[in-house]
Amino acid sequence: MKHFLIILAIISLFCYNSFGQFDTINQRIHGKKEGYWIKYRINGHGKSEGRYIHGEKTGYWKIYYRNGIHHSEGKLINGYRIGDWYFVHTPSGTKLDMTTWDGKGHCIGGATLSW
């Protein structure tokens, strides 16, 4: 029983996502990705994190770059970027650039930010 509780506690630590929700990570339902997913590169840096609904990336996502210092963040619907996406310097949280997407795979504008 003691070992079971220790294992349950460890699993719980890995199932608490950045959206503040207890969740199962990297699961498939009927062969399709579903729920919260985190992917890592071979070097251990994050690659991407966000939600899948019926096998499609949908909702708020972060896409990390190889160096692990910068990432893009924004909303996806059915795997396509929509609305404003930001290029962020992760340690400081400074937003460096912004692009606007139409939800069909086309960038419709952008700006260099200075805040």
PDB file of N, CA and C in Angstrom:
ATOM      1  N   MET A   1       0.827  -1.194   0.000  1.00  0.00           N
ATOM      2  CA  MET A   1       0.000   0.000   0.000  1.00  0.00           C
ATOM      3  C   MET A   1       0.870   1.256   0.000  1.00  0.00           C
ATOM      4  N   LYS A   2       1.957   1.239   0.765  1.00  0.00           N
ATOM      5  CA  LYS A   2       2.845   2.394   0.834  1.00  0.00           C
ATOM      6  C   LYS A   2       3.450   2.698  -0.536  1.00  0.00           C
ATOM      7  N   HIS A   3       3.880   1.658  -1.256  1.00  0.00           N
ATOM      8  CA  HIS A   3       4.459   1.853  -2.585  1.00  0.00           C
ATOM      9  C   HIS A   3       3.423   2.407  -3.558  1.00  0.00           C
ATOM     10  N   PHE A   4       2.193   1.944  -3.434  1.00  0.00           N
ATOM     11  CA  PHE A   4       1.119   2.436  -4.288  1.00  0.00           C
ATOM     12  C   PHE A   4       0.907   3.936  -4.088  1.00  0.00           C
ATOM     13  N   LEU A   5       0.897   4.390  -2.838  1.00  0.00           N
ATOM     14  CA  LEU A   5       0.704   5.811  -2.545  1.00  0.00           C
ATOM     15  C   LEU A   5       1.860   6.653  -3.056  1.00  0.00           C
ATOM     16  N   ILE A   6       3.067   6.153  -2.956  1.00  0.00           N
ATOM     17  CA  ILE A   6       4.230   6.879  -3.468  1.00  0.00           C
ATOM     18  C   ILE A   6       4.133   7.012  -4.980  1.00  0.00           C
ATOM     19  N   ILE A   7       3.799   5.929  -5.664  1.00  0.00           N
ATOM     20  CA  ILE A   7       3.651   5.972  -7.121  1.00  0.00           C
ATOM     21  C   ILE A   7       2.528   6.918  -7.514  1.00  0.00           C
ATOM     22  N   LEU A   8       1.403   6.892  -6.813  1.00  0.00           N
ATOM     23  CA  LEU A   8       0.292   7.796  -7.092  1.00  0.00           C
ATOM     24  C   LEU A   8       0.711   9.250  -6.920  1.00  0.00           C
ATOM     25  N   ALA A   9       1.491   9.551  -5.891  1.00  0.00           N
ATOM     26  CA  ALA A   9       1.970  10.922  -5.666  1.00  0.00           C
ATOM     27  C   ALA A   9       2.878  11.381  -6.802  1.00  0.00           C
ATOM     28  N   ILE A  10       3.747  10.516  -7.280  1.00  0.00           N
ATOM     29  CA  ILE A  10       4.647  10.862  -8.389  1.00  0.00           C
ATOM     30  C   ILE A  10       3.850  11.120  -9.660  1.00  0.00           C
ATOM     31  N   ILE A  11       2.897  10.266  -9.958  1.00  0.00           N
ATOM     32  CA  ILE A  11       2.052  10.455 -11.144  1.00  0.00           C
ATOM     33  C   ILE A  11       1.302  11.779 -11.049  1.00  0.00           C
ATOM     34  N   SER A  12       0.807  12.107  -9.871  1.00  0.00           N
ATOM     35  CA  SER A  12       0.067  13.356  -9.688  1.00  0.00           C
ATOM     36  C   SER A  12       0.916  14.572 -10.018  1.00  0.00           C
ATOM     37  N   LEU A  13       2.199  14.535  -9.686  1.00  0.00           N
ATOM     38  CA  LEU A  13       3.083  15.657  -9.990  1.00  0.00           C
ATOM     39  C   LEU A  13       3.196  15.889 -11.487  1.00  0.00           C
ATOM     40  N   PHE A  14       3.193  14.820 -12.272  1.00  0.00           N
ATOM     41  CA  PHE A  14       3.351  14.944 -13.707  1.00  0.00           C
ATOM     42  C   PHE A  14       2.040  15.234 -14.423  1.00  0.00           C
ATOM     43  N   CYS A  15       0.925  15.126 -13.752  1.00  0.00           N
ATOM     44  CA  CYS A  15      -0.377  15.300 -14.387  1.00  0.00           C
ATOM     45  C   CYS A  15      -1.009  16.642 -14.058  1.00  0.00           C
ATOM     46  N   TYR A  16      -0.289  17.549 -13.471  1.00  0.00           N
ATOM     47  CA  TYR A  16      -0.809  18.879 -13.181  1.00  0.00           C
ATOM     48  C   TYR A  16      -0.241  19.820 -14.232  1.00  0.00           C
ATOM     49  N   ASN A  17      -1.069  20.238 -15.181  1.00  0.00           N
ATOM     50  CA  ASN A  17      -0.559  20.975 -16.336  1.00  0.00           C
ATOM     51  C   ASN A  17      -0.451  22.475 -16.073  1.00  0.00           C
ATOM     52  N   SER A  18       0.119  23.191 -17.042  1.00  0.00           N
ATOM     53  CA  SER A  18       0.369  24.623 -16.878  1.00  0.00           C
ATOM     54  C   SER A  18      -0.906  25.444 -16.888  1.00  0.00           C
ATOM     55  N   PHE A  19      -2.040  24.839 -17.218  1.00  0.00           N
ATOM     56  CA  PHE A  19      -3.303  25.562 -17.180  1.00  0.00           C
ATOM     57  C   PHE A  19      -3.958  25.439 -15.805  1.00  0.00           C
ATOM     58  N   GLY A  20      -3.255  24.792 -14.848  1.00  0.00           N
ATOM     59  CA  GLY A  20      -3.769  24.667 -13.497  1.00  0.00           C
ATOM     60  C   GLY A  20      -4.835  23.594 -13.347  1.00  0.00           C
ATOM     61  N   GLN A  21      -4.837  22.623 -14.224  1.00  0.00           N
ATOM     62  CA  GLN A  21      -5.837  21.573 -14.162  1.00  0.00           C
ATOM     63  C   GLN A  21      -5.160  20.220 -13.997  1.00  0.00           C
ATOM     64  N   PHE A  22      -5.778  19.347 -13.214  1.00  0.00           N
ATOM     65  CA  PHE A  22      -5.301  17.981 -13.111  1.00  0.00           C
ATOM     66  C   PHE A  22      -5.750  17.265 -14.372  1.00  0.00           C
ATOM     67  N   ASP A  23      -4.856  16.609 -15.020  1.00  0.00           N
ATOM     68  CA  ASP A  23      -5.168  16.063 -16.330  1.00  0.00           C
ATOM     69  C   ASP A  23      -4.293  14.850 -16.617  1.00  0.00           C
ATOM     70  N   THR A  24      -4.743  14.027 -17.537  1.00  0.00           N
ATOM     71  CA  THR A  24      -3.924  12.948 -18.052  1.00  0.00           C
ATOM     72  C   THR A  24      -3.111  13.523 -19.195  1.00  0.00           C
ATOM     73  N   ILE A  25      -1.828  13.225 -19.229  1.00  0.00           N
ATOM     74  CA  ILE A  25      -0.951  13.791 -20.248  1.00  0.00           C
ATOM     75  C   ILE A  25      -0.678  12.750 -21.316  1.00  0.00           C
ATOM     76  N   ASN A  26      -0.664  13.212 -22.571  1.00  0.00           N
ATOM     77  CA  ASN A  26      -0.300  12.400 -23.729  1.00  0.00           C
ATOM     78  C   ASN A  26      -1.123  11.117 -23.826  1.00  0.00           C
ATOM     79  N   GLN A  27      -2.424  11.272 -23.890  1.00  0.00           N
ATOM     80  CA  GLN A  27      -3.272  10.092 -24.030  1.00  0.00           C
ATOM     81  C   GLN A  27      -3.907  10.047 -25.419  1.00  0.00           C
ATOM     82  N   ARG A  28      -4.300   8.857 -25.820  1.00  0.00           N
ATOM     83  CA  ARG A  28      -5.014   8.645 -27.076  1.00  0.00           C
ATOM     84  C   ARG A  28      -6.350   7.982 -26.766  1.00  0.00           C
ATOM     85  N   ILE A  29      -7.359   8.418 -27.475  1.00  0.00           N
ATOM     86  CA  ILE A  29      -8.669   7.794 -27.381  1.00  0.00           C
ATOM     87  C   ILE A  29      -9.059   7.378 -28.787  1.00  0.00           C
ATOM     88  N   HIS A  30      -9.300   6.100 -28.978  1.00  0.00           N
ATOM     89  CA  HIS A  30      -9.603   5.526 -30.300  1.00  0.00           C
ATOM     90  C   HIS A  30      -8.525   5.896 -31.318  1.00  0.00           C
ATOM     91  N   GLY A  31      -7.259   5.895 -30.869  1.00  0.00           N
ATOM     92  CA  GLY A  31      -6.128   6.144 -31.747  1.00  0.00           C
ATOM     93  C   GLY A  31      -5.828   7.606 -32.016  1.00  0.00           C
ATOM     94  N   LYS A  32      -6.672   8.534 -31.524  1.00  0.00           N
ATOM     95  CA  LYS A  32      -6.451   9.969 -31.752  1.00  0.00           C
ATOM     96  C   LYS A  32      -5.946  10.628 -30.477  1.00  0.00           C
ATOM     97  N   LYS A  33      -5.034  11.603 -30.651  1.00  0.00           N
ATOM     98  CA  LYS A  33      -4.540  12.357 -29.499  1.00  0.00           C
ATOM     99  C   LYS A  33      -5.707  13.121 -28.885  1.00  0.00           C
ATOM    100  N   GLU A  34      -5.734  13.106 -27.552  1.00  0.00           N
ATOM    101  CA  GLU A  34      -6.837  13.744 -26.837  1.00  0.00           C
ATOM    102  C   GLU A  34      -6.326  14.326 -25.533  1.00  0.00           C
ATOM    103  N   GLY A  35      -6.775  15.520 -25.198  1.00  0.00           N
ATOM    104  CA  GLY A  35      -6.405  16.144 -23.935  1.00  0.00           C
ATOM    105  C   GLY A  35      -5.066  16.864 -24.012  1.00  0.00           C
ATOM    106  N   TYR A  36      -4.473  17.083 -22.853  1.00  0.00           N
ATOM    107  CA  TYR A  36      -3.249  17.863 -22.736  1.00  0.00           C
ATOM    108  C   TYR A  36      -2.040  17.031 -23.152  1.00  0.00           C
ATOM    109  N   TRP A  37      -1.187  17.592 -24.017  1.00  0.00           N
ATOM    110  CA  TRP A  37       0.012  16.913 -24.502  1.00  0.00           C
ATOM    111  C   TRP A  37       1.227  17.787 -24.288  1.00  0.00           C
ATOM    112  N   ILE A  38       2.332  17.145 -23.912  1.00  0.00           N
ATOM    113  CA  ILE A  38       3.633  17.807 -23.825  1.00  0.00           C
ATOM    114  C   ILE A  38       4.609  16.965 -24.636  1.00  0.00           C
ATOM    115  N   LYS A  39       5.333  17.614 -25.536  1.00  0.00           N
ATOM    116  CA  LYS A  39       6.348  16.916 -26.318  1.00  0.00           C
ATOM    117  C   LYS A  39       7.707  17.534 -26.000  1.00  0.00           C
ATOM    118  N   TYR A  40       8.731  16.669 -25.949  1.00  0.00           N
ATOM    119  CA  TYR A  40      10.089  17.113 -25.641  1.00  0.00           C
ATOM    120  C   TYR A  40      11.044  16.750 -26.769  1.00  0.00           C
ATOM    121  N   ARG A  41      12.079  17.560 -26.910  1.00  0.00           N
ATOM    122  CA  ARG A  41      13.157  17.242 -27.843  1.00  0.00           C
ATOM    123  C   ARG A  41      14.109  16.246 -27.182  1.00  0.00           C
ATOM    124  N   ILE A  42      14.993  15.649 -27.967  1.00  0.00           N
ATOM    125  CA  ILE A  42      15.964  14.689 -27.449  1.00  0.00           C
ATOM    126  C   ILE A  42      16.856  15.334 -26.393  1.00  0.00           C
ATOM    127  N   ASN A  43      17.158  16.642 -26.548  1.00  0.00           N
ATOM    128  CA  ASN A  43      18.028  17.321 -25.585  1.00  0.00           C
ATOM    129  C   ASN A  43      17.324  17.681 -24.282  1.00  0.00           C
ATOM    130  N   GLY A  44      16.043  17.338 -24.164  1.00  0.00           N
ATOM    131  CA  GLY A  44      15.301  17.596 -22.939  1.00  0.00           C
ATOM    132  C   GLY A  44      14.524  18.891 -22.928  1.00  0.00           C
ATOM    133  N   HIS A  45      14.798  19.787 -23.884  1.00  0.00           N
ATOM    134  CA  HIS A  45      14.037  21.032 -23.966  1.00  0.00           C
ATOM    135  C   HIS A  45      12.631  20.730 -24.470  1.00  0.00           C
ATOM    136  N   GLY A  46      11.682  21.540 -24.048  1.00  0.00           N
ATOM    137  CA  GLY A  46      10.319  21.380 -24.525  1.00  0.00           C
ATOM    138  C   GLY A  46      10.229  21.629 -26.020  1.00  0.00           C
ATOM    139  N   LYS A  47       9.293  20.981 -26.661  1.00  0.00           N
ATOM    140  CA  LYS A  47       9.043  21.182 -28.084  1.00  0.00           C
ATOM    141  C   LYS A  47       7.702  21.877 -28.272  1.00  0.00           C
ATOM    142  N   SER A  48       6.668  21.370 -27.603  1.00  0.00           N
ATOM    143  CA  SER A  48       5.357  21.993 -27.672  1.00  0.00           C
ATOM    144  C   SER A  48       4.482  21.492 -26.542  1.00  0.00           C
ATOM    145  N   GLU A  49       3.460  22.298 -26.212  1.00  0.00           N
ATOM    146  CA  GLU A  49       2.493  21.865 -25.222  1.00  0.00           C
ATOM    147  C   GLU A  49       1.160  22.549 -25.486  1.00  0.00           C
ATOM    148  N   GLY A  50       0.108  21.770 -25.310  1.00  0.00           N
ATOM    149  CA  GLY A  50      -1.240  22.276 -25.526  1.00  0.00           C
ATOM    150  C   GLY A  50      -2.237  21.135 -25.573  1.00  0.00           C
ATOM    151  N   ARG A  51      -3.444  21.425 -26.019  1.00  0.00           N
ATOM    152  CA  ARG A  51      -4.535  20.450 -26.026  1.00  0.00           C
ATOM    153  C   ARG A  51      -4.874  19.952 -27.424  1.00  0.00           C
ATOM    154  N   TYR A  52      -5.259  18.679 -27.438  1.00  0.00           N
ATOM    155  CA  TYR A  52      -5.822  18.072 -28.639  1.00  0.00           C
ATOM    156  C   TYR A  52      -7.290  17.775 -28.371  1.00  0.00           C
ATOM    157  N   ILE A  53      -8.122  18.014 -29.353  1.00  0.00           N
ATOM    158  CA  ILE A  53      -9.518  17.604 -29.304  1.00  0.00           C
ATOM    159  C   ILE A  53      -9.780  16.799 -30.567  1.00  0.00           C
ATOM    160  N   HIS A  54     -10.122  15.541 -30.401  1.00  0.00           N
ATOM    161  CA  HIS A  54     -10.361  14.606 -31.516  1.00  0.00           C
ATOM    162  C   HIS A  54      -9.190  14.573 -32.490  1.00  0.00           C
ATOM    163  N   GLY A  55      -7.963  14.594 -31.960  1.00  0.00           N
ATOM    164  CA  GLY A  55      -6.772  14.471 -32.784  1.00  0.00           C
ATOM    165  C   GLY A  55      -6.273  15.760 -33.411  1.00  0.00           C
ATOM    166  N   GLU A  56      -6.924  16.882 -33.152  1.00  0.00           N
ATOM    167  CA  GLU A  56      -6.522  18.176 -33.716  1.00  0.00           C
ATOM    168  C   GLU A  56      -6.048  19.117 -32.611  1.00  0.00           C
ATOM    169  N   LYS A  57      -4.953  19.849 -32.879  1.00  0.00           N
ATOM    170  CA  LYS A  57      -4.483  20.852 -31.926  1.00  0.00           C
ATOM    171  C   LYS A  57      -5.528  21.963 -31.868  1.00  0.00           C
ATOM    172  N   THR A  58      -6.064  22.187 -30.668  1.00  0.00           N
ATOM    173  CA  THR A  58      -7.111  23.186 -30.497  1.00  0.00           C
ATOM    174  C   THR A  58      -6.949  23.847 -29.138  1.00  0.00           C
ATOM    175  N   GLY A  59      -7.006  25.182 -29.117  1.00  0.00           N
ATOM    176  CA  GLY A  59      -6.864  25.921 -27.864  1.00  0.00           C
ATOM    177  C   GLY A  59      -5.509  26.595 -27.784  1.00  0.00           C
ATOM    178  N   TYR A  60      -5.119  26.980 -26.578  1.00  0.00           N
ATOM    179  CA  TYR A  60      -3.871  27.711 -26.338  1.00  0.00           C
ATOM    180  C   TYR A  60      -2.684  26.752 -26.425  1.00  0.00           C
ATOM    181  N   TRP A  61      -1.665  27.116 -27.198  1.00  0.00           N
ATOM    182  CA  TRP A  61      -0.459  26.293 -27.386  1.00  0.00           C
ATOM    183  C   TRP A  61       0.797  27.128 -27.201  1.00  0.00           C
ATOM    184  N   LYS A  62       1.864  26.458 -26.775  1.00  0.00           N
ATOM    185  CA  LYS A  62       3.211  27.020 -26.762  1.00  0.00           C
ATOM    186  C   LYS A  62       4.073  26.125 -27.637  1.00  0.00           C
ATOM    187  N   ILE A  63       4.811  26.748 -28.552  1.00  0.00           N
ATOM    188  CA  ILE A  63       5.732  26.031 -29.425  1.00  0.00           C
ATOM    189  C   ILE A  63       7.135  26.520 -29.081  1.00  0.00           C
ATOM    190  N   TYR A  64       7.982  25.631 -28.551  1.00  0.00           N
ATOM    191  CA  TYR A  64       9.321  26.004 -28.096  1.00  0.00           C
ATOM    192  C   TYR A  64      10.347  25.833 -29.208  1.00  0.00           C
ATOM    193  N   TYR A  65      11.355  26.710 -29.204  1.00  0.00           N
ATOM    194  CA  TYR A  65      12.445  26.616 -30.165  1.00  0.00           C
ATOM    195  C   TYR A  65      13.560  25.763 -29.592  1.00  0.00           C
ATOM    196  N   ARG A  66      14.479  25.324 -30.429  1.00  0.00           N
ATOM    197  CA  ARG A  66      15.520  24.370 -30.034  1.00  0.00           C
ATOM    198  C   ARG A  66      16.338  24.805 -28.841  1.00  0.00           C
ATOM    199  N   ASN A  67      16.555  26.091 -28.690  1.00  0.00           N
ATOM    200  CA  ASN A  67      17.396  26.566 -27.592  1.00  0.00           C
ATOM    201  C   ASN A  67      16.675  26.554 -26.243  1.00  0.00           C
ATOM    202  N   GLY A  68      15.372  26.370 -26.244  1.00  0.00           N
ATOM    203  CA  GLY A  68      14.608  26.342 -25.010  1.00  0.00           C
ATOM    204  C   GLY A  68      14.413  27.705 -24.377  1.00  0.00           C
ATOM    205  N   ILE A  69      14.933  28.761 -25.008  1.00  0.00           N
ATOM    206  CA  ILE A  69      14.844  30.118 -24.447  1.00  0.00           C
ATOM    207  C   ILE A  69      13.686  30.906 -25.051  1.00  0.00           C
ATOM    208  N   HIS A  70      13.344  30.614 -26.281  1.00  0.00           N
ATOM    209  CA  HIS A  70      12.265  31.337 -26.954  1.00  0.00           C
ATOM    210  C   HIS A  70      11.115  30.386 -27.273  1.00  0.00           C
ATOM    211  N   HIS A  71       9.915  30.954 -27.318  1.00  0.00           N
ATOM    212  CA  HIS A  71       8.781  30.172 -27.767  1.00  0.00           C
ATOM    213  C   HIS A  71       7.747  31.086 -28.417  1.00  0.00           C
ATOM    214  N   SER A  72       6.864  30.475 -29.179  1.00  0.00           N
ATOM    215  CA  SER A  72       5.695  31.166 -29.720  1.00  0.00           C
ATOM    216  C   SER A  72       4.500  30.694 -28.921  1.00  0.00           C
ATOM    217  N   GLU A  73       3.520  31.558 -28.768  1.00  0.00           N
ATOM    218  CA  GLU A  73       2.318  31.170 -28.059  1.00  0.00           C
ATOM    219  C   GLU A  73       1.106  31.819 -28.693  1.00  0.00           C
ATOM    220  N   GLY A  74       0.022  31.075 -28.696  1.00  0.00           N
ATOM    221  CA  GLY A  74      -1.215  31.580 -29.256  1.00  0.00           C
ATOM    222  C   GLY A  74      -2.249  30.480 -29.353  1.00  0.00           C
ATOM    223  N   LYS A  75      -3.315  30.774 -30.072  1.00  0.00           N
ATOM    224  CA  LYS A  75      -4.448  29.865 -30.158  1.00  0.00           C
ATOM    225  C   LYS A  75      -4.449  29.113 -31.486  1.00  0.00           C
ATOM    226  N   LEU A  76      -4.824  27.839 -31.406  1.00  0.00           N
ATOM    227  CA  LEU A  76      -5.002  26.999 -32.592  1.00  0.00           C
ATOM    228  C   LEU A  76      -6.436  26.501 -32.628  1.00  0.00           C
ATOM    229  N   ILE A  77      -6.985  26.395 -33.818  1.00  0.00           N
ATOM    230  CA  ILE A  77      -8.269  25.747 -34.023  1.00  0.00           C
ATOM    231  C   ILE A  77      -8.084  24.741 -35.142  1.00  0.00           C
ATOM    232  N   ASN A  78      -8.351  23.474 -34.843  1.00  0.00           N
ATOM    233  CA  ASN A  78      -8.169  22.377 -35.802  1.00  0.00           C
ATOM    234  C   ASN A  78      -6.771  22.377 -36.408  1.00  0.00           C
ATOM    235  N   GLY A  79      -5.763  22.702 -35.600  1.00  0.00           N
ATOM    236  CA  GLY A  79      -4.378  22.653 -36.034  1.00  0.00           C
ATOM    237  C   GLY A  79      -3.870  23.907 -36.719  1.00  0.00           C
ATOM    238  N   TYR A  80      -4.720  24.898 -36.928  1.00  0.00           N
ATOM    239  CA  TYR A  80      -4.312  26.138 -37.590  1.00  0.00           C
ATOM    240  C   TYR A  80      -4.229  27.289 -36.596  1.00  0.00           C
ATOM    241  N   ARG A  81      -3.177  28.115 -36.749  1.00  0.00           N
ATOM    242  CA  ARG A  81      -3.040  29.305 -35.909  1.00  0.00           C
ATOM    243  C   ARG A  81      -4.161  30.279 -36.250  1.00  0.00           C
ATOM    244  N   ILE A  82      -4.687  30.907 -35.204  1.00  0.00           N
ATOM    245  CA  ILE A  82      -5.734  31.912 -35.403  1.00  0.00           C
ATOM    246  C   ILE A  82      -5.504  33.061 -34.425  1.00  0.00           C
ATOM    247  N   GLY A  83      -5.734  34.262 -34.896  1.00  0.00           N
ATOM    248  CA  GLY A  83      -5.562  35.433 -34.044  1.00  0.00           C
ATOM    249  C   GLY A  83      -4.094  35.790 -33.859  1.00  0.00           C
ATOM    250  N   ASP A  84      -3.809  36.471 -32.761  1.00  0.00           N
ATOM    251  CA  ASP A  84      -2.451  36.955 -32.491  1.00  0.00           C
ATOM    252  C   ASP A  84      -1.582  35.857 -31.880  1.00  0.00           C
ATOM    253  N   TRP A  85      -0.399  35.694 -32.459  1.00  0.00           N
ATOM    254  CA  TRP A  85       0.629  34.785 -31.932  1.00  0.00           C
ATOM    255  C   TRP A  85       1.832  35.622 -31.567  1.00  0.00           C
ATOM    256  N   TYR A  86       2.447  35.305 -30.439  1.00  0.00           N
ATOM    257  CA  TYR A  86       3.575  36.071 -29.937  1.00  0.00           C
ATOM    258  C   TYR A  86       4.844  35.231 -29.908  1.00  0.00           C
ATOM    259  N   PHE A  87       5.964  35.872 -30.255  1.00  0.00           N
ATOM    260  CA  PHE A  87       7.294  35.285 -30.107  1.00  0.00           C
ATOM    261  C   PHE A  87       7.837  35.849 -28.800  1.00  0.00           C
ATOM    262  N   VAL A  88       8.165  34.968 -27.857  1.00  0.00           N
ATOM    263  CA  VAL A  88       8.453  35.376 -26.485  1.00  0.00           C
ATOM    264  C   VAL A  88       9.856  34.945 -26.065  1.00  0.00           C
ATOM    265  N   HIS A  89      10.563  35.839 -25.371  1.00  0.00           N
ATOM    266  CA  HIS A  89      11.824  35.486 -24.704  1.00  0.00           C
ATOM    267  C   HIS A  89      11.413  34.896 -23.362  1.00  0.00           C
ATOM    268  N   THR A  90      11.539  33.574 -23.203  1.00  0.00           N
ATOM    269  CA  THR A  90      10.962  32.850 -22.079  1.00  0.00           C
ATOM    270  C   THR A  90      11.444  33.295 -20.701  1.00  0.00           C
ATOM    271  N   PRO A  91      12.753  33.435 -20.432  1.00  0.00           N
ATOM    272  CA  PRO A  91      13.162  33.786 -19.064  1.00  0.00           C
ATOM    273  C   PRO A  91      12.570  35.108 -18.564  1.00  0.00           C
ATOM    274  N   SER A  92      12.486  36.105 -19.433  1.00  0.00           N
ATOM    275  CA  SER A  92      11.969  37.406 -19.004  1.00  0.00           C
ATOM    276  C   SER A  92      10.477  37.543 -19.253  1.00  0.00           C
ATOM    277  N   GLY A  93       9.927  36.726 -20.154  1.00  0.00           N
ATOM    278  CA  GLY A  93       8.516  36.840 -20.514  1.00  0.00           C
ATOM    279  C   GLY A  93       8.254  37.964 -21.503  1.00  0.00           C
ATOM    280  N   THR A  94       9.313  38.611 -21.999  1.00  0.00           N
ATOM    281  CA  THR A  94       9.168  39.728 -22.928  1.00  0.00           C
ATOM    282  C   THR A  94       8.654  39.243 -24.277  1.00  0.00           C
ATOM    283  N   LYS A  95       7.582  39.862 -24.750  1.00  0.00           N
ATOM    284  CA  LYS A  95       7.038  39.553 -26.066  1.00  0.00           C
ATOM    285  C   LYS A  95       7.807  40.379 -27.095  1.00  0.00           C
ATOM    286  N   LEU A  96       8.432  39.687 -28.060  1.00  0.00           N
ATOM    287  CA  LEU A  96       9.318  40.350 -29.009  1.00  0.00           C
ATOM    288  C   LEU A  96       8.639  40.675 -30.332  1.00  0.00           C
ATOM    289  N   ASP A  97       7.829  39.777 -30.835  1.00  0.00           N
ATOM    290  CA  ASP A  97       7.147  39.963 -32.114  1.00  0.00           C
ATOM    291  C   ASP A  97       5.744  39.398 -32.031  1.00  0.00           C
ATOM    292  N   MET A  98       4.876  39.862 -32.941  1.00  0.00           N
ATOM    293  CA  MET A  98       3.518  39.360 -33.002  1.00  0.00           C
ATOM    294  C   MET A  98       3.135  39.157 -34.458  1.00  0.00           C
ATOM    295  N   THR A  99       2.449  38.080 -34.748  1.00  0.00           N
ATOM    296  CA  THR A  99       1.860  37.861 -36.067  1.00  0.00           C
ATOM    297  C   THR A  99       0.389  37.538 -35.878  1.00  0.00           C
ATOM    298  N   THR A 100      -0.410  37.890 -36.865  1.00  0.00           N
ATOM    299  CA  THR A 100      -1.843  37.614 -36.815  1.00  0.00           C
ATOM    300  C   THR A 100      -2.176  36.611 -37.903  1.00  0.00           C
ATOM    301  N   TRP A 101      -2.955  35.586 -37.533  1.00  0.00           N
ATOM    302  CA  TRP A 101      -3.275  34.480 -38.434  1.00  0.00           C
ATOM    303  C   TRP A 101      -4.780  34.394 -38.656  1.00  0.00           C
ATOM    304  N   ASP A 102      -5.161  33.887 -39.829  1.00  0.00           N
ATOM    305  CA  ASP A 102      -6.576  33.829 -40.204  1.00  0.00           C
ATOM    306  C   ASP A 102      -7.287  32.528 -39.852  1.00  0.00           C
ATOM    307  N   GLY A 103      -6.585  31.546 -39.323  1.00  0.00           N
ATOM    308  CA  GLY A 103      -7.204  30.277 -38.972  1.00  0.00           C
ATOM    309  C   GLY A 103      -7.248  29.289 -40.123  1.00  0.00           C
ATOM    310  N   LYS A 104      -6.642  29.678 -41.259  1.00  0.00           N
ATOM    311  CA  LYS A 104      -6.602  28.796 -42.427  1.00  0.00           C
ATOM    312  C   LYS A 104      -5.171  28.590 -42.913  1.00  0.00           C
ATOM    313  N   GLY A 105      -4.191  28.956 -42.071  1.00  0.00           N
ATOM    314  CA  GLY A 105      -2.792  28.766 -42.417  1.00  0.00           C
ATOM    315  C   GLY A 105      -2.122  29.960 -43.054  1.00  0.00           C
ATOM    316  N   HIS A 106      -2.780  31.124 -43.038  1.00  0.00           N
ATOM    317  CA  HIS A 106      -2.219  32.316 -43.667  1.00  0.00           C
ATOM    318  C   HIS A 106      -1.956  33.408 -42.636  1.00  0.00           C
ATOM    319  N   CYS A 107      -0.739  33.957 -42.695  1.00  0.00           N
ATOM    320  CA  CYS A 107      -0.383  35.097 -41.850  1.00  0.00           C
ATOM    321  C   CYS A 107      -0.980  36.346 -42.498  1.00  0.00           C
ATOM    322  N   ILE A 108      -1.726  37.137 -41.738  1.00  0.00           N
ATOM    323  CA  ILE A 108      -2.376  38.317 -42.313  1.00  0.00           C
ATOM    324  C   ILE A 108      -1.817  39.625 -41.757  1.00  0.00           C
ATOM    325  N   GLY A 109      -0.753  39.546 -40.965  1.00  0.00           N
ATOM    326  CA  GLY A 109      -0.142  40.769 -40.458  1.00  0.00           C
ATOM    327  C   GLY A 109       0.860  40.463 -39.372  1.00  0.00           C
ATOM    328  N   GLY A 110       1.607  41.478 -39.019  1.00  0.00           N
ATOM    329  CA  GLY A 110       2.600  41.286 -37.970  1.00  0.00           C
ATOM    330  C   GLY A 110       3.183  42.590 -37.525  1.00  0.00           C
ATOM    331  N   ALA A 111       3.891  42.552 -36.412  1.00  0.00           N
ATOM    332  CA  ALA A 111       4.514  43.754 -35.870  1.00  0.00           C
ATOM    333  C   ALA A 111       5.675  43.348 -34.975  1.00  0.00           C
ATOM    334  N   THR A 112       6.658  44.240 -34.866  1.00  0.00           N
ATOM    335  CA  THR A 112       7.732  44.071 -33.904  1.00  0.00           C
ATOM    336  C   THR A 112       7.299  44.835 -32.661  1.00  0.00           C
ATOM    337  N   LEU A 113       7.296  44.168 -31.549  1.00  0.00           N
ATOM    338  CA  LEU A 113       6.786  44.755 -30.312  1.00  0.00           C
ATOM    339  C   LEU A 113       7.933  45.299 -29.481  1.00  0.00           C
ATOM    340  N   SER A 114       7.607  46.250 -28.639  1.00  0.00           N
ATOM    341  CA  SER A 114       8.643  46.812 -27.767  1.00  0.00           C
ATOM    342  C   SER A 114       8.068  47.106 -26.388  1.00  0.00           C
ATOM    343  N   TRP A 115       7.598  46.052 -25.739  1.00  0.00           N
ATOM    344  CA  TRP A 115       7.143  46.266 -24.381  1.00  0.00           C
ATOM    345  C   TRP A 115       7.724  45.274 -23.446  1.00  0.00           C
TER     346      TRP A 115
END
